Amino acid sequence: MDLLRFPGADRVLARHRGVLPQPDQLCGPFAAHVGLHAVLDAPPGVTDLAVAAGTRVWPEDVAAWRPAGAPLLRTGWDRLPAASSVDASGTDAAGVAAAVRSTTDVDVVGVPGDGLTVASLSALLVSLLAGPHVGVLANVRTGALDPRAGFDVGHFVVLFGTSADGSLVGVGDTYAELGAPGQPPGCRVVGVDALLAGLTAPPGRGLLLLVDRRDGAIVRDLLAGLGVVTGEWAT
């Protein structure tokens, strides 16, 4: 089944293939940088977004945080503080949203995963096809999203499209190693049930929709009409 791309997704995918892979521990700022291309010609860079998001890096190499074969890349680490512990490293969703709002004129619409069902998530994705340009970030547990990948971490990815019935979703990952044959580099297609599993894995995750501030109310009204709860979540 062919996928239909979200408005602005062609620009997202063009940037995505040009900047793979992510710097280690910077998946949130990386996904935000890529997703912002749906609505901006020249978004802030990955490191600038990481600084604004309060990203902290664990200075040791933890190979399990990358899929097999992915390189260790420390680009931007010289501008970021060290984390006090492994658990304190990286970037949470609140930090990503704050970075986007503080460095751009883009609005962020959060959708907590624990308020979604397969039906409502499908309807949400399909509704975005007819809306304004939008960058779609998903904060997922990768083991729930794709158990066969052998890669199980909290992670940010971009979504670039869906099937007409909302049953399939295009995922742009931050590593080329997680791409599938026949898809753009680093991209694969998953079922909406798998996406929901990734979004609802503890401690609580969800979607961040990046839209022009003039379109924020349009997107919120669209989701309210579907009965989708918006807001940000704690991770």
C-alpha atoms as a PDB file:
ATOM      1  CA  MET A   1       0.000   0.000   0.000  1.00  0.00           C
ATOM      2  CA  ASP A   2       1.429   3.382  -1.011  1.00  0.00           C
ATOM      3  CA  LEU A   3       1.988   6.106   1.566  1.00  0.00           C
ATOM      4  CA  LEU A   4       0.697   9.644   1.239  1.00  0.00           C
ATOM      5  CA  ARG A   5       3.127  12.249   2.535  1.00  0.00           C
ATOM      6  CA  PHE A   6       2.264  14.918   5.079  1.00  0.00           C
ATOM      7  CA  PRO A   7       2.390  18.507   3.792  1.00  0.00           C
ATOM      8  CA  GLY A   8       6.025  19.584   3.899  1.00  0.00           C
ATOM      9  CA  ALA A   9       7.341  16.010   4.141  1.00  0.00           C
ATOM     10  CA  ASP A  10       9.281  16.210   0.880  1.00  0.00           C
ATOM     11  CA  ARG A  11      11.436  18.943   2.424  1.00  0.00           C
ATOM     12  CA  VAL A  12      11.785  16.921   5.630  1.00  0.00           C
ATOM     13  CA  LEU A  13      12.984  13.847   3.743  1.00  0.00           C
ATOM     14  CA  ALA A  14      15.410  15.865   1.623  1.00  0.00           C
ATOM     15  CA  ARG A  15      17.067  17.221   4.747  1.00  0.00           C
ATOM     16  CA  HIS A  16      16.848  13.872   6.528  1.00  0.00           C
ATOM     17  CA  ARG A  17      18.908  12.011   3.943  1.00  0.00           C
ATOM     18  CA  GLY A  18      21.499  14.786   3.920  1.00  0.00           C
ATOM     19  CA  VAL A  19      22.268  14.823   7.647  1.00  0.00           C
ATOM     20  CA  LEU A  20      22.127  11.151   8.700  1.00  0.00           C
ATOM     21  CA  PRO A  21      23.246   9.899  11.186  1.00  0.00           C
ATOM     22  CA  GLN A  22      22.433  11.709  14.408  1.00  0.00           C
ATOM     23  CA  PRO A  23      25.171  12.732  16.841  1.00  0.00           C
ATOM     24  CA  ASP A  24      25.164  10.290  19.746  1.00  0.00           C
ATOM     25  CA  GLN A  25      22.544  11.100  22.436  1.00  0.00           C
ATOM     26  CA  LEU A  26      21.071  13.951  20.349  1.00  0.00           C
ATOM     27  CA  CYS A  27      18.108  12.185  18.745  1.00  0.00           C
ATOM     28  CA  GLY A  28      15.610  14.790  20.009  1.00  0.00           C
ATOM     29  CA  PRO A  29      17.402  17.857  18.624  1.00  0.00           C
ATOM     30  CA  PHE A  30      18.238  15.910  15.446  1.00  0.00           C
ATOM     31  CA  ALA A  31      14.592  14.965  14.838  1.00  0.00           C
ATOM     32  CA  ALA A  32      13.488  18.528  15.604  1.00  0.00           C
ATOM     33  CA  HIS A  33      16.017  19.979  13.151  1.00  0.00           C
ATOM     34  CA  VAL A  34      14.845  17.633  10.416  1.00  0.00           C
ATOM     35  CA  GLY A  35      11.120  18.053  11.185  1.00  0.00           C
ATOM     36  CA  LEU A  36      11.372  21.845  11.223  1.00  0.00           C
ATOM     37  CA  HIS A  37      12.167  21.778   7.511  1.00  0.00           C
ATOM     38  CA  ALA A  38       8.452  21.179   6.917  1.00  0.00           C
ATOM     39  CA  VAL A  39       7.773  24.784   7.932  1.00  0.00           C
ATOM     40  CA  LEU A  40      11.102  26.660   7.806  1.00  0.00           C
ATOM     41  CA  ASP A  41      13.684  27.214   5.084  1.00  0.00           C
ATOM     42  CA  ALA A  42      16.636  27.442   7.487  1.00  0.00           C
ATOM     43  CA  PRO A  43      15.943  25.995  10.956  1.00  0.00           C
ATOM     44  CA  PRO A  44      18.494  26.149  13.771  1.00  0.00           C
ATOM     45  CA  GLY A  45      21.171  23.466  13.628  1.00  0.00           C
ATOM     46  CA  VAL A  46      21.150  20.291  15.683  1.00  0.00           C
ATOM     47  CA  THR A  47      23.679  21.564  18.214  1.00  0.00           C
ATOM     48  CA  ASP A  48      21.929  24.923  18.612  1.00  0.00           C
ATOM     49  CA  LEU A  49      18.671  23.113  19.329  1.00  0.00           C
ATOM     50  CA  ALA A  50      20.432  20.801  21.785  1.00  0.00           C
ATOM     51  CA  VAL A  51      21.853  23.779  23.682  1.00  0.00           C
ATOM     52  CA  ALA A  52      18.425  25.428  23.820  1.00  0.00           C
ATOM     53  CA  ALA A  53      16.826  22.137  24.910  1.00  0.00           C
ATOM     54  CA  GLY A  54      19.193  21.638  27.839  1.00  0.00           C
ATOM     55  CA  THR A  55      20.616  18.426  26.406  1.00  0.00           C
ATOM     56  CA  ARG A  56      23.278  16.735  28.543  1.00  0.00           C
ATOM     57  CA  VAL A  57      25.610  14.021  27.307  1.00  0.00           C
ATOM     58  CA  TRP A  58      27.023  11.008  29.100  1.00  0.00           C
ATOM     59  CA  PRO A  59      30.737  11.110  28.230  1.00  0.00           C
ATOM     60  CA  GLU A  60      31.198   7.349  27.922  1.00  0.00           C
ATOM     61  CA  ASP A  61      30.341   5.264  24.858  1.00  0.00           C
ATOM     62  CA  VAL A  62      27.256   3.113  25.452  1.00  0.00           C
ATOM     63  CA  ALA A  63      27.078   0.958  22.322  1.00  0.00           C
ATOM     64  CA  ALA A  64      23.563  -0.296  23.146  1.00  0.00           C
ATOM     65  CA  TRP A  65      22.269   3.232  22.553  1.00  0.00           C
ATOM     66  CA  ARG A  66      22.955   2.804  18.817  1.00  0.00           C
ATOM     67  CA  PRO A  67      21.744   0.117  16.409  1.00  0.00           C
ATOM     68  CA  ALA A  68      24.321  -2.428  15.269  1.00  0.00           C
ATOM     69  CA  GLY A  69      26.760  -0.935  12.796  1.00  0.00           C
ATOM     70  CA  ALA A  70      25.956   2.714  13.554  1.00  0.00           C
ATOM     71  CA  PRO A  71      29.005   4.924  14.150  1.00  0.00           C
ATOM     72  CA  LEU A  72      29.724   6.869  17.322  1.00  0.00           C
ATOM     73  CA  LEU A  73      29.405  10.554  16.393  1.00  0.00           C
ATOM     74  CA  ARG A  74      30.203  13.259  18.964  1.00  0.00           C
ATOM     75  CA  THR A  75      29.477  16.334  16.831  1.00  0.00           C
ATOM     76  CA  GLY A  76      28.453  19.240  19.070  1.00  0.00           C
ATOM     77  CA  TRP A  77      29.485  17.640  22.338  1.00  0.00           C
ATOM     78  CA  ASP A  78      32.022  20.413  22.966  1.00  0.00           C
ATOM     79  CA  ARG A  79      29.115  22.841  23.455  1.00  0.00           C
ATOM     80  CA  LEU A  80      27.037  20.614  25.724  1.00  0.00           C
ATOM     81  CA  PRO A  81      27.329  19.899  29.455  1.00  0.00           C
ATOM     82  CA  ALA A  82      28.058  16.431  30.765  1.00  0.00           C
ATOM     83  CA  ALA A  83      25.243  14.500  32.419  1.00  0.00           C
ATOM     84  CA  SER A  84      25.587  13.584  36.072  1.00  0.00           C
ATOM     85  CA  SER A  85      24.417  10.038  35.354  1.00  0.00           C
ATOM     86  CA  VAL A  86      23.354   7.799  32.490  1.00  0.00           C
ATOM     87  CA  ASP A  87      19.695   8.410  33.338  1.00  0.00           C
ATOM     88  CA  ALA A  88      20.173  12.182  33.209  1.00  0.00           C
ATOM     89  CA  SER A  89      21.603  12.181  29.686  1.00  0.00           C
ATOM     90  CA  GLY A  90      19.834  13.105  26.464  1.00  0.00           C
ATOM     91  CA  THR A  91      16.824  15.353  25.900  1.00  0.00           C
ATOM     92  CA  ASP A  92      13.234  14.962  27.053  1.00  0.00           C
ATOM     93  CA  ALA A  93      10.157  16.023  25.080  1.00  0.00           C
ATOM     94  CA  ALA A  94       9.684  19.184  27.148  1.00  0.00           C
ATOM     95  CA  GLY A  95      13.215  20.235  26.283  1.00  0.00           C
ATOM     96  CA  VAL A  96      12.671  19.618  22.572  1.00  0.00           C
ATOM     97  CA  ALA A  97       9.441  21.626  22.607  1.00  0.00           C
ATOM     98  CA  ALA A  98      11.054  24.469  24.557  1.00  0.00           C
ATOM     99  CA  ALA A  99      13.984  24.596  22.145  1.00  0.00           C
ATOM    100  CA  VAL A 100      11.695  24.856  19.108  1.00  0.00           C
ATOM    101  CA  ARG A 101       9.618  27.610  20.707  1.00  0.00           C
ATOM    102  CA  SER A 102      12.605  29.633  21.933  1.00  0.00           C
ATOM    103  CA  THR A 103      14.636  29.538  18.719  1.00  0.00           C
ATOM    104  CA  THR A 104      11.916  29.770  16.028  1.00  0.00           C
ATOM    105  CA  ASP A 105       8.433  31.112  15.296  1.00  0.00           C
ATOM    106  CA  VAL A 106       7.116  27.539  15.149  1.00  0.00           C
ATOM    107  CA  ASP A 107       4.352  26.315  17.444  1.00  0.00           C
ATOM    108  CA  VAL A 108       4.506  22.876  19.070  1.00  0.00           C
ATOM    109  CA  VAL A 109       1.324  20.844  19.568  1.00  0.00           C
ATOM    110  CA  GLY A 110       1.871  17.924  21.907  1.00  0.00           C
ATOM    111  CA  VAL A 111      -0.229  14.748  21.763  1.00  0.00           C
ATOM    112  CA  PRO A 112       0.294  12.378  24.726  1.00  0.00           C
ATOM    113  CA  GLY A 113       0.467   8.766  23.632  1.00  0.00           C
ATOM    114  CA  ASP A 114      -1.493   7.435  26.588  1.00  0.00           C
ATOM    115  CA  GLY A 115      -4.635   9.197  25.363  1.00  0.00           C
ATOM    116  CA  LEU A 116      -4.561   7.532  21.953  1.00  0.00           C
ATOM    117  CA  THR A 117      -6.082   4.361  20.540  1.00  0.00           C
ATOM    118  CA  VAL A 118      -5.312   2.683  17.226  1.00  0.00           C
ATOM    119  CA  ALA A 119      -8.468   4.263  15.775  1.00  0.00           C
ATOM    120  CA  SER A 120      -7.759   7.777  17.055  1.00  0.00           C
ATOM    121  CA  LEU A 121      -4.083   7.644  16.053  1.00  0.00           C
ATOM    122  CA  SER A 122      -5.048   6.524  12.545  1.00  0.00           C
ATOM    123  CA  ALA A 123      -7.609   9.325  12.304  1.00  0.00           C
ATOM    124  CA  LEU A 124      -5.040  11.858  13.549  1.00  0.00           C
ATOM    125  CA  LEU A 125      -2.473  10.825  10.945  1.00  0.00           C
ATOM    126  CA  VAL A 126      -4.991  10.896   8.104  1.00  0.00           C
ATOM    127  CA  SER A 127      -6.242  14.319   9.205  1.00  0.00           C
ATOM    128  CA  LEU A 128      -2.726  15.756   8.933  1.00  0.00           C
ATOM    129  CA  LEU A 129      -2.689  14.951   5.218  1.00  0.00           C
ATOM    130  CA  ALA A 130      -5.213  17.707   4.540  1.00  0.00           C
ATOM    131  CA  GLY A 131      -3.876  20.223   7.050  1.00  0.00           C
ATOM    132  CA  PRO A 132      -1.126  22.853   6.970  1.00  0.00           C
ATOM    133  CA  HIS A 133       2.546  22.016   6.646  1.00  0.00           C
ATOM    134  CA  VAL A 134       3.587  20.041   9.712  1.00  0.00           C
ATOM    135  CA  GLY A 135       6.710  18.378  11.061  1.00  0.00           C
ATOM    136  CA  VAL A 136       5.736  15.246  12.975  1.00  0.00           C
ATOM    137  CA  LEU A 137       8.059  14.020  15.721  1.00  0.00           C
ATOM    138  CA  ALA A 138       7.367  10.794  17.591  1.00  0.00           C
ATOM    139  CA  ASN A 139       8.932  10.040  20.980  1.00  0.00           C
ATOM    140  CA  VAL A 140       8.882   6.235  21.106  1.00  0.00           C
ATOM    141  CA  ARG A 141      10.346   3.177  22.756  1.00  0.00           C
ATOM    142  CA  THR A 142      12.105   1.530  19.856  1.00  0.00           C
ATOM    143  CA  GLY A 143      11.723  -2.023  21.138  1.00  0.00           C
ATOM    144  CA  ALA A 144       7.949  -1.623  21.157  1.00  0.00           C
ATOM    145  CA  LEU A 145       7.919   0.090  17.764  1.00  0.00           C
ATOM    146  CA  ASP A 146       9.974  -2.629  16.059  1.00  0.00           C
ATOM    147  CA  PRO A 147      10.897  -5.611  18.265  1.00  0.00           C
ATOM    148  CA  ARG A 148      12.863  -7.270  15.441  1.00  0.00           C
ATOM    149  CA  ALA A 149      15.402  -4.444  15.188  1.00  0.00           C
ATOM    150  CA  GLY A 150      17.327  -5.506  18.309  1.00  0.00           C
ATOM    151  CA  PHE A 151      17.496  -1.861  19.417  1.00  0.00           C
ATOM    152  CA  ASP A 152      15.508  -0.862  22.515  1.00  0.00           C
ATOM    153  CA  VAL A 153      15.844   2.716  23.779  1.00  0.00           C
ATOM    154  CA  GLY A 154      13.768   5.831  24.262  1.00  0.00           C
ATOM    155  CA  HIS A 155      14.119   7.638  20.959  1.00  0.00           C
ATOM    156  CA  PHE A 156      12.846  10.449  18.715  1.00  0.00           C
ATOM    157  CA  VAL A 157      12.024   9.877  15.048  1.00  0.00           C
ATOM    158  CA  VAL A 158      10.198  11.843  12.357  1.00  0.00           C
ATOM    159  CA  LEU A 159       7.038  10.600  10.661  1.00  0.00           C
ATOM    160  CA  PHE A 160       6.674  11.493   6.994  1.00  0.00           C
ATOM    161  CA  GLY A 161       3.384  10.004   5.852  1.00  0.00           C
ATOM    162  CA  THR A 162       0.600   7.491   6.225  1.00  0.00           C
ATOM    163  CA  SER A 163      -1.594   5.258   4.125  1.00  0.00           C
ATOM    164  CA  ALA A 164      -5.012   6.557   3.069  1.00  0.00           C
ATOM    165  CA  ASP A 165      -6.681   4.536   5.830  1.00  0.00           C
ATOM    166  CA  GLY A 166      -4.097   5.393   8.489  1.00  0.00           C
ATOM    167  CA  SER A 167      -3.039   1.778   9.008  1.00  0.00           C
ATOM    168  CA  LEU A 168       0.587   2.304   7.947  1.00  0.00           C
ATOM    169  CA  VAL A 169       3.075   5.005   8.926  1.00  0.00           C
ATOM    170  CA  GLY A 170       6.339   6.177   7.378  1.00  0.00           C
ATOM    171  CA  VAL A 171       9.125   6.491   9.961  1.00  0.00           C
ATOM    172  CA  GLY A 172      12.313   8.438   9.304  1.00  0.00           C
ATOM    173  CA  ASP A 173      14.850   7.199  11.835  1.00  0.00           C
ATOM    174  CA  THR A 174      18.061   8.897  12.865  1.00  0.00           C
ATOM    175  CA  TYR A 175      20.249   6.012  11.674  1.00  0.00           C
ATOM    176  CA  ALA A 176      20.569   4.678   8.133  1.00  0.00           C
ATOM    177  CA  GLU A 177      20.959   1.169   9.570  1.00  0.00           C
ATOM    178  CA  LEU A 178      17.258   1.181  10.516  1.00  0.00           C
ATOM    179  CA  GLY A 179      16.035   1.895   6.997  1.00  0.00           C
ATOM    180  CA  ALA A 180      14.211  -0.648   4.834  1.00  0.00           C
ATOM    181  CA  PRO A 181      14.742  -1.586   1.178  1.00  0.00           C
ATOM    182  CA  GLY A 182      12.686   0.521  -1.218  1.00  0.00           C
ATOM    183  CA  GLN A 183      12.388   3.422   1.238  1.00  0.00           C
ATOM    184  CA  PRO A 184      14.393   6.653   1.496  1.00  0.00           C
ATOM    185  CA  PRO A 185      17.624   6.334   3.518  1.00  0.00           C
ATOM    186  CA  GLY A 186      16.943   5.617   7.196  1.00  0.00           C
ATOM    187  CA  CYS A 187      13.211   5.182   6.557  1.00  0.00           C
ATOM    188  CA  ARG A 188      10.806   2.282   7.013  1.00  0.00           C
ATOM    189  CA  VAL A 189       7.078   1.644   7.165  1.00  0.00           C
ATOM    190  CA  VAL A 190       5.402   0.292  10.313  1.00  0.00           C
ATOM    191  CA  GLY A 191       1.824  -0.522  11.275  1.00  0.00           C
ATOM    192  CA  VAL A 192      -0.096   2.062  13.262  1.00  0.00           C
ATOM    193  CA  ASP A 193      -0.501  -0.502  16.051  1.00  0.00           C
ATOM    194  CA  ALA A 194       3.293  -0.739  16.333  1.00  0.00           C
ATOM    195  CA  LEU A 195       3.571   3.046  16.403  1.00  0.00           C
ATOM    196  CA  LEU A 196       0.994   3.195  19.188  1.00  0.00           C
ATOM    197  CA  ALA A 197       2.929   0.566  21.157  1.00  0.00           C
ATOM    198  CA  GLY A 198       6.045   2.714  20.870  1.00  0.00           C
ATOM    199  CA  LEU A 199       4.185   5.874  21.895  1.00  0.00           C
ATOM    200  CA  THR A 200       2.534   4.306  24.945  1.00  0.00           C
ATOM    201  CA  ALA A 201       5.576   2.489  26.337  1.00  0.00           C
ATOM    202  CA  PRO A 202       6.441   3.741  29.866  1.00  0.00           C
ATOM    203  CA  PRO A 203       7.216   6.259  31.244  1.00  0.00           C
ATOM    204  CA  GLY A 204       4.940   8.129  28.846  1.00  0.00           C
ATOM    205  CA  ARG A 205       5.635   9.428  25.361  1.00  0.00           C
ATOM    206  CA  GLY A 206       3.768  10.973  22.441  1.00  0.00           C
ATOM    207  CA  LEU A 207       3.842  13.146  19.338  1.00  0.00           C
ATOM    208  CA  LEU A 208       5.125  16.679  18.854  1.00  0.00           C
ATOM    209  CA  LEU A 209       3.568  18.465  15.869  1.00  0.00           C
ATOM    210  CA  LEU A 210       5.592  21.407  14.553  1.00  0.00           C
ATOM    211  CA  VAL A 211       3.504  24.037  12.759  1.00  0.00           C
ATOM    212  CA  ASP A 212       3.701  27.696  11.860  1.00  0.00           C
ATOM    213  CA  ARG A 213       2.351  29.717  14.788  1.00  0.00           C
ATOM    214  CA  ARG A 214      -0.417  31.033  12.566  1.00  0.00           C
ATOM    215  CA  ASP A 215      -1.565  27.431  12.059  1.00  0.00           C
ATOM    216  CA  GLY A 216      -1.375  26.233  15.656  1.00  0.00           C
ATOM    217  CA  ALA A 217      -5.040  26.918  16.392  1.00  0.00           C
ATOM    218  CA  ILE A 218      -6.062  25.177  13.156  1.00  0.00           C
ATOM    219  CA  VAL A 219      -4.218  22.003  14.150  1.00  0.00           C
ATOM    220  CA  ARG A 220      -5.554  22.064  17.715  1.00  0.00           C
ATOM    221  CA  ASP A 221      -9.119  22.525  16.458  1.00  0.00           C
ATOM    222  CA  LEU A 222      -8.637  19.712  13.960  1.00  0.00           C
ATOM    223  CA  LEU A 223      -7.489  17.340  16.689  1.00  0.00           C
ATOM    224  CA  ALA A 224     -10.211  18.464  19.082  1.00  0.00           C
ATOM    225  CA  GLY A 225     -12.769  17.592  16.415  1.00  0.00           C
ATOM    226  CA  LEU A 226     -11.366  14.059  16.417  1.00  0.00           C
ATOM    227  CA  GLY A 227     -11.542  13.842  20.199  1.00  0.00           C
ATOM    228  CA  VAL A 228      -7.731  13.770  20.467  1.00  0.00           C
ATOM    229  CA  VAL A 229      -6.372  15.266  23.675  1.00  0.00           C
ATOM    230  CA  THR A 230      -3.478  17.696  23.219  1.00  0.00           C
ATOM    231  CA  GLY A 231      -0.887  18.830  25.716  1.00  0.00           C
ATOM    232  CA  GLU A 232       2.588  17.913  26.817  1.00  0.00           C
ATOM    233  CA  TRP A 233       3.601  15.008  28.978  1.00  0.00           C
ATOM    234  CA  ALA A 234       6.272  14.340  31.561  1.00  0.00           C
ATOM    235  CA  THR A 235       8.974  11.784  30.761  1.00  0.00           C
END
